[in-house]
Amino acid sequence: VVFLTHYIPPYQVQVLKAIAERVRDFKVLLSTPIEP
């Protein structure tokens, strides 16, 4: 699974990890590390 998003706010980390733990491979593509 590949997940495309703008950036990862701290509160979203644990939800994405919960998805990642349930699939064989989980990759995140970010548009930017952080917004200004």
PDB file of all heavy atoms in Angstrom:
ATOM      1  N   VAL A   1       0.835  -1.193   0.000  1.00  0.00           N
ATOM      2  CA  VAL A   1       0.000   0.000   0.000  1.00  0.00           C
ATOM      3  C   VAL A   1       0.876   1.252   0.000  1.00  0.00           C
ATOM      4  O   VAL A   1       1.847   1.349   0.764  1.00  0.00           O
ATOM      5  CB  VAL A   1      -0.932   0.024   1.226  1.00  0.00           C
ATOM      6  CG1 VAL A   1      -1.794   1.284   1.232  1.00  0.00           C
ATOM      7  CG2 VAL A   1      -1.808  -1.231   1.255  1.00  0.00           C
ATOM      8  N   VAL A   2       0.526   2.207  -0.860  1.00  0.00           N
ATOM      9  CA  VAL A   2       1.175   3.517  -0.857  1.00  0.00           C
ATOM     10  C   VAL A   2       0.139   4.558  -0.473  1.00  0.00           C
ATOM     11  O   VAL A   2      -0.972   4.577  -1.013  1.00  0.00           O
ATOM     12  CB  VAL A   2       1.798   3.850  -2.223  1.00  0.00           C
ATOM     13  CG1 VAL A   2       2.283   5.295  -2.249  1.00  0.00           C
ATOM     14  CG2 VAL A   2       2.965   2.919  -2.514  1.00  0.00           C
ATOM     15  N   PHE A   3       0.508   5.420   0.464  1.00  0.00           N
ATOM     16  CA  PHE A   3      -0.373   6.471   0.970  1.00  0.00           C
ATOM     17  C   PHE A   3       0.231   7.821   0.591  1.00  0.00           C
ATOM     18  O   PHE A   3       1.344   8.150   1.006  1.00  0.00           O
ATOM     19  CB  PHE A   3      -0.507   6.349   2.490  1.00  0.00           C
ATOM     20  CG  PHE A   3      -1.465   7.333   3.119  1.00  0.00           C
ATOM     21  CD1 PHE A   3      -2.813   7.038   3.201  1.00  0.00           C
ATOM     22  CD2 PHE A   3      -1.017   8.540   3.643  1.00  0.00           C
ATOM     23  CE1 PHE A   3      -3.699   7.930   3.786  1.00  0.00           C
ATOM     24  CE2 PHE A   3      -1.889   9.436   4.234  1.00  0.00           C
ATOM     25  CZ  PHE A   3      -3.240   9.130   4.304  1.00  0.00           C
ATOM     26  N   LEU A   4      -0.490   8.610  -0.209  1.00  0.00           N
ATOM     27  CA  LEU A   4      -0.029   9.929  -0.630  1.00  0.00           C
ATOM     28  C   LEU A   4      -0.719  10.999   0.206  1.00  0.00           C
ATOM     29  O   LEU A   4      -1.943  11.013   0.335  1.00  0.00           O
ATOM     30  CB  LEU A   4      -0.342  10.178  -2.105  1.00  0.00           C
ATOM     31  CG  LEU A   4       0.370   9.322  -3.150  1.00  0.00           C
ATOM     32  CD1 LEU A   4      -0.419   8.052  -3.451  1.00  0.00           C
ATOM     33  CD2 LEU A   4       0.581  10.107  -4.433  1.00  0.00           C
ATOM     34  N   THR A   5       0.076  11.933   0.759  1.00  0.00           N
ATOM     35  CA  THR A   5      -0.496  12.995   1.572  1.00  0.00           C
ATOM     36  C   THR A   5       0.392  14.227   1.500  1.00  0.00           C
ATOM     37  O   THR A   5       1.506  14.181   0.964  1.00  0.00           O
ATOM     38  CB  THR A   5      -0.679  12.531   3.028  1.00  0.00           C
ATOM     39  OG1 THR A   5      -1.375  13.530   3.777  1.00  0.00           O
ATOM     40  CG2 THR A   5       0.666  12.239   3.695  1.00  0.00           C
ATOM     41  N   HIS A   6      -0.098  15.365   2.036  1.00  0.00           N
ATOM     42  CA  HIS A   6       0.688  16.596   1.971  1.00  0.00           C
ATOM     43  C   HIS A   6       1.842  16.566   2.968  1.00  0.00           C
ATOM     44  O   HIS A   6       2.992  16.787   2.623  1.00  0.00           O
ATOM     45  CB  HIS A   6      -0.190  17.828   2.170  1.00  0.00           C
ATOM     46  CG  HIS A   6      -1.160  17.757   3.316  1.00  0.00           C
ATOM     47  ND1 HIS A   6      -1.271  16.693   4.171  1.00  0.00           N
ATOM     48  CD2 HIS A   6      -2.089  18.665   3.732  1.00  0.00           C
ATOM     49  CE1 HIS A   6      -2.205  16.928   5.067  1.00  0.00           C
ATOM     50  NE2 HIS A   6      -2.726  18.119   4.826  1.00  0.00           N
ATOM     51  N   TYR A   7       1.559  16.307   4.245  1.00  0.00           N
ATOM     52  CA  TYR A   7       2.565  16.131   5.291  1.00  0.00           C
ATOM     53  C   TYR A   7       1.918  15.316   6.397  1.00  0.00           C
ATOM     54  O   TYR A   7       0.705  15.057   6.356  1.00  0.00           O
ATOM     55  CB  TYR A   7       3.087  17.481   5.813  1.00  0.00           C
ATOM     56  CG  TYR A   7       2.053  18.273   6.581  1.00  0.00           C
ATOM     57  CD1 TYR A   7       1.993  18.231   7.968  1.00  0.00           C
ATOM     58  CD2 TYR A   7       1.123  19.063   5.914  1.00  0.00           C
ATOM     59  CE1 TYR A   7       1.036  18.943   8.665  1.00  0.00           C
ATOM     60  CE2 TYR A   7       0.161  19.781   6.600  1.00  0.00           C
ATOM     61  CZ  TYR A   7       0.123  19.720   7.977  1.00  0.00           C
ATOM     62  OH  TYR A   7      -0.836  20.413   8.666  1.00  0.00           O
ATOM     63  N   ILE A   8       2.695  14.887   7.355  1.00  0.00           N
ATOM     64  CA  ILE A   8       2.144  14.062   8.434  1.00  0.00           C
ATOM     65  C   ILE A   8       2.125  14.872   9.722  1.00  0.00           C
ATOM     66  O   ILE A   8       3.171  15.074  10.356  1.00  0.00           O
ATOM     67  CB  ILE A   8       2.957  12.773   8.648  1.00  0.00           C
ATOM     68  CG1 ILE A   8       3.047  11.963   7.357  1.00  0.00           C
ATOM     69  CG2 ILE A   8       2.312  11.931   9.744  1.00  0.00           C
ATOM     70  CD1 ILE A   8       3.898  10.708   7.484  1.00  0.00           C
ATOM     71  N   PRO A   9       0.962  15.354  10.150  1.00  0.00           N
ATOM     72  CA  PRO A   9       0.879  16.004  11.459  1.00  0.00           C
ATOM     73  C   PRO A   9       1.065  14.973  12.560  1.00  0.00           C
ATOM     74  O   PRO A   9       0.771  13.786  12.365  1.00  0.00           O
ATOM     75  CB  PRO A   9      -0.530  16.599  11.468  1.00  0.00           C
ATOM     76  CG  PRO A   9      -1.298  15.782  10.482  1.00  0.00           C
ATOM     77  CD  PRO A   9      -0.324  15.315   9.449  1.00  0.00           C
ATOM     78  N   PRO A  10       1.561  15.383  13.717  1.00  0.00           N
ATOM     79  CA  PRO A  10       1.849  14.410  14.780  1.00  0.00           C
ATOM     80  C   PRO A  10       0.660  13.533  15.149  1.00  0.00           C
ATOM     81  O   PRO A  10       0.829  12.340  15.427  1.00  0.00           O
ATOM     82  CB  PRO A  10       2.274  15.301  15.960  1.00  0.00           C
ATOM     83  CG  PRO A  10       2.802  16.538  15.323  1.00  0.00           C
ATOM     84  CD  PRO A  10       1.973  16.751  14.099  1.00  0.00           C
ATOM     85  N   TYR A  11      -0.549  14.103  15.149  1.00  0.00           N
ATOM     86  CA  TYR A  11      -1.716  13.324  15.573  1.00  0.00           C
ATOM     87  C   TYR A  11      -2.099  12.237  14.583  1.00  0.00           C
ATOM     88  O   TYR A  11      -2.874  11.349  14.915  1.00  0.00           O
ATOM     89  CB  TYR A  11      -2.909  14.243  15.820  1.00  0.00           C
ATOM     90  CG  TYR A  11      -3.312  15.093  14.633  1.00  0.00           C
ATOM     91  CD1 TYR A  11      -4.034  14.561  13.576  1.00  0.00           C
ATOM     92  CD2 TYR A  11      -2.966  16.436  14.586  1.00  0.00           C
ATOM     93  CE1 TYR A  11      -4.391  15.345  12.490  1.00  0.00           C
ATOM     94  CE2 TYR A  11      -3.326  17.231  13.503  1.00  0.00           C
ATOM     95  CZ  TYR A  11      -4.031  16.685  12.461  1.00  0.00           C
ATOM     96  OH  TYR A  11      -4.385  17.460  11.387  1.00  0.00           O
ATOM     97  N   GLN A  12      -1.569  12.290  13.349  1.00  0.00           N
ATOM     98  CA  GLN A  12      -1.932  11.287  12.353  1.00  0.00           C
ATOM     99  C   GLN A  12      -0.980  10.090  12.354  1.00  0.00           C
ATOM    100  O   GLN A  12      -1.272   9.051  11.758  1.00  0.00           O
ATOM    101  CB  GLN A  12      -1.951  11.927  10.960  1.00  0.00           C
ATOM    102  CG  GLN A  12      -2.704  11.118   9.918  1.00  0.00           C
ATOM    103  CD  GLN A  12      -2.781  11.839   8.585  1.00  0.00           C
ATOM    104  OE1 GLN A  12      -1.804  12.405   8.106  1.00  0.00           O
ATOM    105  NE2 GLN A  12      -3.953  11.836   7.989  1.00  0.00           N
ATOM    106  N   VAL A  13       0.138  10.229  13.049  1.00  0.00           N
ATOM    107  CA  VAL A  13       1.173   9.198  13.011  1.00  0.00           C
ATOM    108  C   VAL A  13       0.637   7.852  13.486  1.00  0.00           C
ATOM    109  O   VAL A  13       0.815   6.815  12.823  1.00  0.00           O
ATOM    110  CB  VAL A  13       2.389   9.616  13.860  1.00  0.00           C
ATOM    111  CG1 VAL A  13       3.368   8.449  14.012  1.00  0.00           C
ATOM    112  CG2 VAL A  13       3.095  10.811  13.220  1.00  0.00           C
ATOM    113  N   GLN A  14      -0.033   7.831  14.626  1.00  0.00           N
ATOM    114  CA  GLN A  14      -0.465   6.568  15.207  1.00  0.00           C
ATOM    115  C   GLN A  14      -1.550   5.896  14.375  1.00  0.00           C
ATOM    116  O   GLN A  14      -1.621   4.664  14.304  1.00  0.00           O
ATOM    117  CB  GLN A  14      -0.949   6.784  16.642  1.00  0.00           C
ATOM    118  CG  GLN A  14       0.154   7.210  17.613  1.00  0.00           C
ATOM    119  CD  GLN A  14       1.233   6.164  17.766  1.00  0.00           C
ATOM    120  OE1 GLN A  14       2.179   6.116  16.980  1.00  0.00           O
ATOM    121  NE2 GLN A  14       1.096   5.328  18.771  1.00  0.00           N
ATOM    122  N   VAL A  15      -2.408   6.689  13.732  1.00  0.00           N
ATOM    123  CA  VAL A  15      -3.433   6.108  12.863  1.00  0.00           C
ATOM    124  C   VAL A  15      -2.786   5.461  11.640  1.00  0.00           C
ATOM    125  O   VAL A  15      -3.136   4.342  11.243  1.00  0.00           O
ATOM    126  CB  VAL A  15      -4.466   7.167  12.447  1.00  0.00           C
ATOM    127  CG1 VAL A  15      -5.481   6.575  11.460  1.00  0.00           C
ATOM    128  CG2 VAL A  15      -5.193   7.715  13.677  1.00  0.00           C
ATOM    129  N   LEU A  16      -1.822   6.156  11.031  1.00  0.00           N
ATOM    130  CA  LEU A  16      -1.125   5.581   9.880  1.00  0.00           C
ATOM    131  C   LEU A  16      -0.340   4.339  10.282  1.00  0.00           C
ATOM    132  O   LEU A  16      -0.282   3.351   9.523  1.00  0.00           O
ATOM    133  CB  LEU A  16      -0.193   6.612   9.255  1.00  0.00           C
ATOM    134  CG  LEU A  16      -0.878   7.800   8.560  1.00  0.00           C
ATOM    135  CD1 LEU A  16       0.168   8.739   7.962  1.00  0.00           C
ATOM    136  CD2 LEU A  16      -1.841   7.327   7.484  1.00  0.00           C
ATOM    137  N   LYS A  17       0.256   4.352  11.464  1.00  0.00           N
ATOM    138  CA  LYS A  17       0.974   3.167  11.921  1.00  0.00           C
ATOM    139  C   LYS A  17       0.016   1.989  12.135  1.00  0.00           C
ATOM    140  O   LYS A  17       0.379   0.837  11.888  1.00  0.00           O
ATOM    141  CB  LYS A  17       1.732   3.478  13.218  1.00  0.00           C
ATOM    142  CG  LYS A  17       2.969   4.342  13.017  1.00  0.00           C
ATOM    143  CD  LYS A  17       3.682   4.620  14.329  1.00  0.00           C
ATOM    144  CE  LYS A  17       4.298   3.368  14.911  1.00  0.00           C
ATOM    145  NZ  LYS A  17       5.086   3.660  16.139  1.00  0.00           N
ATOM    146  N   ALA A  18      -1.199   2.289  12.590  1.00  0.00           N
ATOM    147  CA  ALA A  18      -2.188   1.223  12.766  1.00  0.00           C
ATOM    148  C   ALA A  18      -2.549   0.584  11.432  1.00  0.00           C
ATOM    149  O   ALA A  18      -2.793  -0.627  11.359  1.00  0.00           O
ATOM    150  CB  ALA A  18      -3.439   1.783  13.447  1.00  0.00           C
ATOM    151  N   ILE A  19      -2.576   1.386  10.359  1.00  0.00           N
ATOM    152  CA  ILE A  19      -2.798   0.818   9.026  1.00  0.00           C
ATOM    153  C   ILE A  19      -1.572   0.029   8.590  1.00  0.00           C
ATOM    154  O   ILE A  19      -1.683  -1.096   8.084  1.00  0.00           O
ATOM    155  CB  ILE A  19      -3.103   1.933   8.004  1.00  0.00           C
ATOM    156  CG1 ILE A  19      -4.389   2.673   8.383  1.00  0.00           C
ATOM    157  CG2 ILE A  19      -3.227   1.348   6.597  1.00  0.00           C
ATOM    158  CD1 ILE A  19      -4.696   3.879   7.507  1.00  0.00           C
ATOM    159  N   ALA A  20      -0.393   0.612   8.784  1.00  0.00           N
ATOM    160  CA  ALA A  20       0.849  -0.030   8.354  1.00  0.00           C
ATOM    161  C   ALA A  20       1.038  -1.397   9.000  1.00  0.00           C
ATOM    162  O   ALA A  20       1.557  -2.330   8.372  1.00  0.00           O
ATOM    163  CB  ALA A  20       2.039   0.873   8.667  1.00  0.00           C
ATOM    164  N   GLU A  21       0.618  -1.518  10.247  1.00  0.00           N
ATOM    165  CA  GLU A  21       0.791  -2.781  10.963  1.00  0.00           C
ATOM    166  C   GLU A  21      -0.104  -3.886  10.425  1.00  0.00           C
ATOM    167  O   GLU A  21       0.128  -5.062  10.701  1.00  0.00           O
ATOM    168  CB  GLU A  21       0.511  -2.559  12.453  1.00  0.00           C
ATOM    169  CG  GLU A  21       1.588  -1.738  13.147  1.00  0.00           C
ATOM    170  CD  GLU A  21       1.174  -1.283  14.532  1.00  0.00           C
ATOM    171  OE1 GLU A  21       0.026  -1.628  14.935  1.00  0.00           O
ATOM    172  OE2 GLU A  21       1.952  -0.590  15.199  1.00  0.00           O
ATOM    173  N   ARG A  22      -1.112  -3.540   9.638  1.00  0.00           N
ATOM    174  CA  ARG A  22      -2.072  -4.526   9.151  1.00  0.00           C
ATOM    175  C   ARG A  22      -1.809  -4.978   7.718  1.00  0.00           C
ATOM    176  O   ARG A  22      -2.518  -5.837   7.206  1.00  0.00           O
ATOM    177  CB  ARG A  22      -3.487  -3.960   9.251  1.00  0.00           C
ATOM    178  CG  ARG A  22      -3.942  -3.680  10.682  1.00  0.00           C
ATOM    179  CD  ARG A  22      -4.064  -4.939  11.503  1.00  0.00           C
ATOM    180  NE  ARG A  22      -4.664  -6.019  10.740  1.00  0.00           N
ATOM    181  CZ  ARG A  22      -5.959  -6.103  10.459  1.00  0.00           C
ATOM    182  NH1 ARG A  22      -6.794  -5.179  10.879  1.00  0.00           N
ATOM    183  NH2 ARG A  22      -6.417  -7.117   9.746  1.00  0.00           N
ATOM    184  N   VAL A  23      -0.821  -4.366   7.034  1.00  0.00           N
ATOM    185  CA  VAL A  23      -0.555  -4.728   5.644  1.00  0.00           C
ATOM    186  C   VAL A  23       0.901  -5.186   5.506  1.00  0.00           C
ATOM    187  O   VAL A  23       1.751  -4.897   6.351  1.00  0.00           O
ATOM    188  CB  VAL A  23      -0.845  -3.550   4.687  1.00  0.00           C
ATOM    189  CG1 VAL A  23      -2.301  -3.131   4.790  1.00  0.00           C
ATOM    190  CG2 VAL A  23       0.075  -2.368   4.944  1.00  0.00           C
ATOM    191  N   ARG A  24       1.153  -5.881   4.407  1.00  0.00           N
ATOM    192  CA  ARG A  24       2.504  -6.413   4.189  1.00  0.00           C
ATOM    193  C   ARG A  24       3.543  -5.307   4.045  1.00  0.00           C
ATOM    194  O   ARG A  24       4.652  -5.400   4.566  1.00  0.00           O
ATOM    195  CB  ARG A  24       2.506  -7.308   2.946  1.00  0.00           C
ATOM    196  CG  ARG A  24       3.895  -7.783   2.504  1.00  0.00           C
ATOM    197  CD  ARG A  24       3.794  -8.865   1.450  1.00  0.00           C
ATOM    198  NE  ARG A  24       2.958  -8.496   0.327  1.00  0.00           N
ATOM    199  CZ  ARG A  24       3.393  -7.802  -0.747  1.00  0.00           C
ATOM    200  NH1 ARG A  24       4.652  -7.379  -0.797  1.00  0.00           N
ATOM    201  NH2 ARG A  24       2.579  -7.537  -1.750  1.00  0.00           N
ATOM    202  N   ASP A  25       3.195  -4.253   3.318  1.00  0.00           N
ATOM    203  CA  ASP A  25       4.146  -3.174   3.064  1.00  0.00           C
ATOM    204  C   ASP A  25       3.370  -1.866   2.977  1.00  0.00           C
ATOM    205  O   ASP A  25       2.338  -1.799   2.314  1.00  0.00           O
ATOM    206  CB  ASP A  25       4.899  -3.440   1.758  1.00  0.00           C
ATOM    207  CG  ASP A  25       6.146  -2.580   1.614  1.00  0.00           C
ATOM    208  OD1 ASP A  25       6.465  -1.857   2.572  1.00  0.00           O
ATOM    209  OD2 ASP A  25       6.792  -2.630   0.553  1.00  0.00           O
ATOM    210  N   PHE A  26       3.856  -0.830   3.649  1.00  0.00           N
ATOM    211  CA  PHE A  26       3.154   0.446   3.685  1.00  0.00           C
ATOM    212  C   PHE A  26       4.155   1.567   3.467  1.00  0.00           C
ATOM    213  O   PHE A  26       5.126   1.715   4.207  1.00  0.00           O
ATOM    214  CB  PHE A  26       2.453   0.640   5.026  1.00  0.00           C
ATOM    215  CG  PHE A  26       1.536   1.834   5.098  1.00  0.00           C
ATOM    216  CD1 PHE A  26       0.291   1.805   4.507  1.00  0.00           C
ATOM    217  CD2 PHE A  26       1.924   2.981   5.769  1.00  0.00           C
ATOM    218  CE1 PHE A  26      -0.569   2.893   4.581  1.00  0.00           C
ATOM    219  CE2 PHE A  26       1.088   4.079   5.850  1.00  0.00           C
ATOM    220  CZ  PHE A  26      -0.165   4.039   5.254  1.00  0.00           C
ATOM    221  N   LYS A  27       3.931   2.348   2.427  1.00  0.00           N
ATOM    222  CA  LYS A  27       4.839   3.427   2.042  1.00  0.00           C
ATOM    223  C   LYS A  27       4.070   4.742   2.031  1.00  0.00           C
ATOM    224  O   LYS A  27       2.934   4.804   1.552  1.00  0.00           O
ATOM    225  CB  LYS A  27       5.410   3.153   0.641  1.00  0.00           C
ATOM    226  CG  LYS A  27       6.332   4.234   0.111  1.00  0.00           C
ATOM    227  CD  LYS A  27       7.690   4.133   0.756  1.00  0.00           C
ATOM    228  CE  LYS A  27       8.662   5.155   0.170  1.00  0.00           C
ATOM    229  NZ  LYS A  27       9.985   5.085   0.797  1.00  0.00           N
ATOM    230  N   VAL A  28       4.697   5.816   2.544  1.00  0.00           N
ATOM    231  CA  VAL A  28       4.076   7.132   2.546  1.00  0.00           C
ATOM    232  C   VAL A  28       4.833   8.053   1.616  1.00  0.00           C
ATOM    233  O   VAL A  28       6.063   8.169   1.703  1.00  0.00           O
ATOM    234  CB  VAL A  28       4.042   7.740   3.965  1.00  0.00           C
ATOM    235  CG1 VAL A  28       3.362   9.111   3.932  1.00  0.00           C
ATOM    236  CG2 VAL A  28       3.320   6.821   4.938  1.00  0.00           C
ATOM    237  N   LEU A  29       4.115   8.715   0.704  1.00  0.00           N
ATOM    238  CA  LEU A  29       4.686   9.745  -0.162  1.00  0.00           C
ATOM    239  C   LEU A  29       4.172  11.098   0.298  1.00  0.00           C
ATOM    240  O   LEU A  29       2.957  11.334   0.319  1.00  0.00           O
ATOM    241  CB  LEU A  29       4.304   9.504  -1.624  1.00  0.00           C
ATOM    242  CG  LEU A  29       4.826   8.226  -2.280  1.00  0.00           C
ATOM    243  CD1 LEU A  29       4.364   8.150  -3.732  1.00  0.00           C
ATOM    244  CD2 LEU A  29       6.345   8.162  -2.223  1.00  0.00           C
ATOM    245  N   LEU A  30       5.094  11.998   0.673  1.00  0.00           N
ATOM    246  CA  LEU A  30       4.730  13.322   1.161  1.00  0.00           C
ATOM    247  C   LEU A  30       4.991  14.382   0.105  1.00  0.00           C
ATOM    248  O   LEU A  30       5.988  14.324  -0.618  1.00  0.00           O
ATOM    249  CB  LEU A  30       5.556  13.687   2.406  1.00  0.00           C
ATOM    250  CG  LEU A  30       5.428  12.819   3.652  1.00  0.00           C
ATOM    251  CD1 LEU A  30       6.271  13.413   4.767  1.00  0.00           C
ATOM    252  CD2 LEU A  30       3.977  12.697   4.077  1.00  0.00           C
ATOM    253  N   SER A  31       4.112  15.382   0.072  1.00  0.00           N
ATOM    254  CA  SER A  31       4.372  16.530  -0.784  1.00  0.00           C
ATOM    255  C   SER A  31       5.441  17.436  -0.179  1.00  0.00           C
ATOM    256  O   SER A  31       6.221  18.055  -0.896  1.00  0.00           O
ATOM    257  CB  SER A  31       3.082  17.337  -0.996  1.00  0.00           C
ATOM    258  OG  SER A  31       2.119  16.576  -1.671  1.00  0.00           O
ATOM    259  N   THR A  32       5.481  17.530   1.148  1.00  0.00           N
ATOM    260  CA  THR A  32       6.451  18.382   1.841  1.00  0.00           C
ATOM    261  C   THR A  32       6.675  17.822   3.241  1.00  0.00           C
ATOM    262  O   THR A  32       5.750  17.232   3.823  1.00  0.00           O
ATOM    263  CB  THR A  32       5.940  19.837   1.931  1.00  0.00           C
ATOM    264  OG1 THR A  32       6.908  20.652   2.593  1.00  0.00           O
ATOM    265  CG2 THR A  32       4.638  19.922   2.689  1.00  0.00           C
ATOM    266  N   PRO A  33       7.858  17.972   3.816  1.00  0.00           N
ATOM    267  CA  PRO A  33       8.057  17.498   5.191  1.00  0.00           C
ATOM    268  C   PRO A  33       7.154  18.218   6.187  1.00  0.00           C
ATOM    269  O   PRO A  33       6.620  17.606   7.113  1.00  0.00           O
ATOM    270  CB  PRO A  33       9.538  17.803   5.460  1.00  0.00           C
ATOM    271  CG  PRO A  33      10.170  17.895   4.107  1.00  0.00           C
ATOM    272  CD  PRO A  33       9.112  18.452   3.206  1.00  0.00           C
ATOM    273  N   ILE A  34       6.973  19.538   6.001  1.00  0.00           N
ATOM    274  CA  ILE A  34       6.128  20.323   6.891  1.00  0.00           C
ATOM    275  C   ILE A  34       5.754  21.615   6.176  1.00  0.00           C
ATOM    276  O   ILE A  34       6.522  22.123   5.367  1.00  0.00           O
ATOM    277  CB  ILE A  34       6.854  20.628   8.233  1.00  0.00           C
ATOM    278  CG1 ILE A  34       5.891  21.249   9.249  1.00  0.00           C
ATOM    279  CG2 ILE A  34       8.064  21.502   8.002  1.00  0.00           C
ATOM    280  CD1 ILE A  34       6.504  21.396  10.641  1.00  0.00           C
ATOM    281  N   GLU A  35       4.565  22.136   6.456  1.00  0.00           N
ATOM    282  CA  GLU A  35       4.159  23.403   5.862  1.00  0.00           C
ATOM    283  C   GLU A  35       4.694  24.568   6.689  1.00  0.00           C
ATOM    284  O   GLU A  35       4.859  24.451   7.910  1.00  0.00           O
ATOM    285  CB  GLU A  35       2.635  23.474   5.748  1.00  0.00           C
ATOM    286  CG  GLU A  35       2.070  22.498   4.725  1.00  0.00           C
ATOM    287  CD  GLU A  35       0.569  22.603   4.552  1.00  0.00           C
ATOM    288  OE1 GLU A  35      -0.106  23.037   5.499  1.00  0.00           O
ATOM    289  OE2 GLU A  35       0.086  22.211   3.468  1.00  0.00           O
ATOM    290  N   PRO A  36       4.967  25.712   6.046  1.00  0.00           N
ATOM    291  CA  PRO A  36       5.611  26.832   6.751  1.00  0.00           C
ATOM    292  C   PRO A  36       4.837  27.370   7.944  1.00  0.00           C
ATOM    293  O   PRO A  36       5.431  27.921   8.864  1.00  0.00           O
ATOM    294  CB  PRO A  36       5.741  27.902   5.647  1.00  0.00           C
ATOM    295  CG  PRO A  36       5.750  27.139   4.373  1.00  0.00           C
ATOM    296  CD  PRO A  36       4.841  25.966   4.600  1.00  0.00           C
TER     297      PRO A  36
END
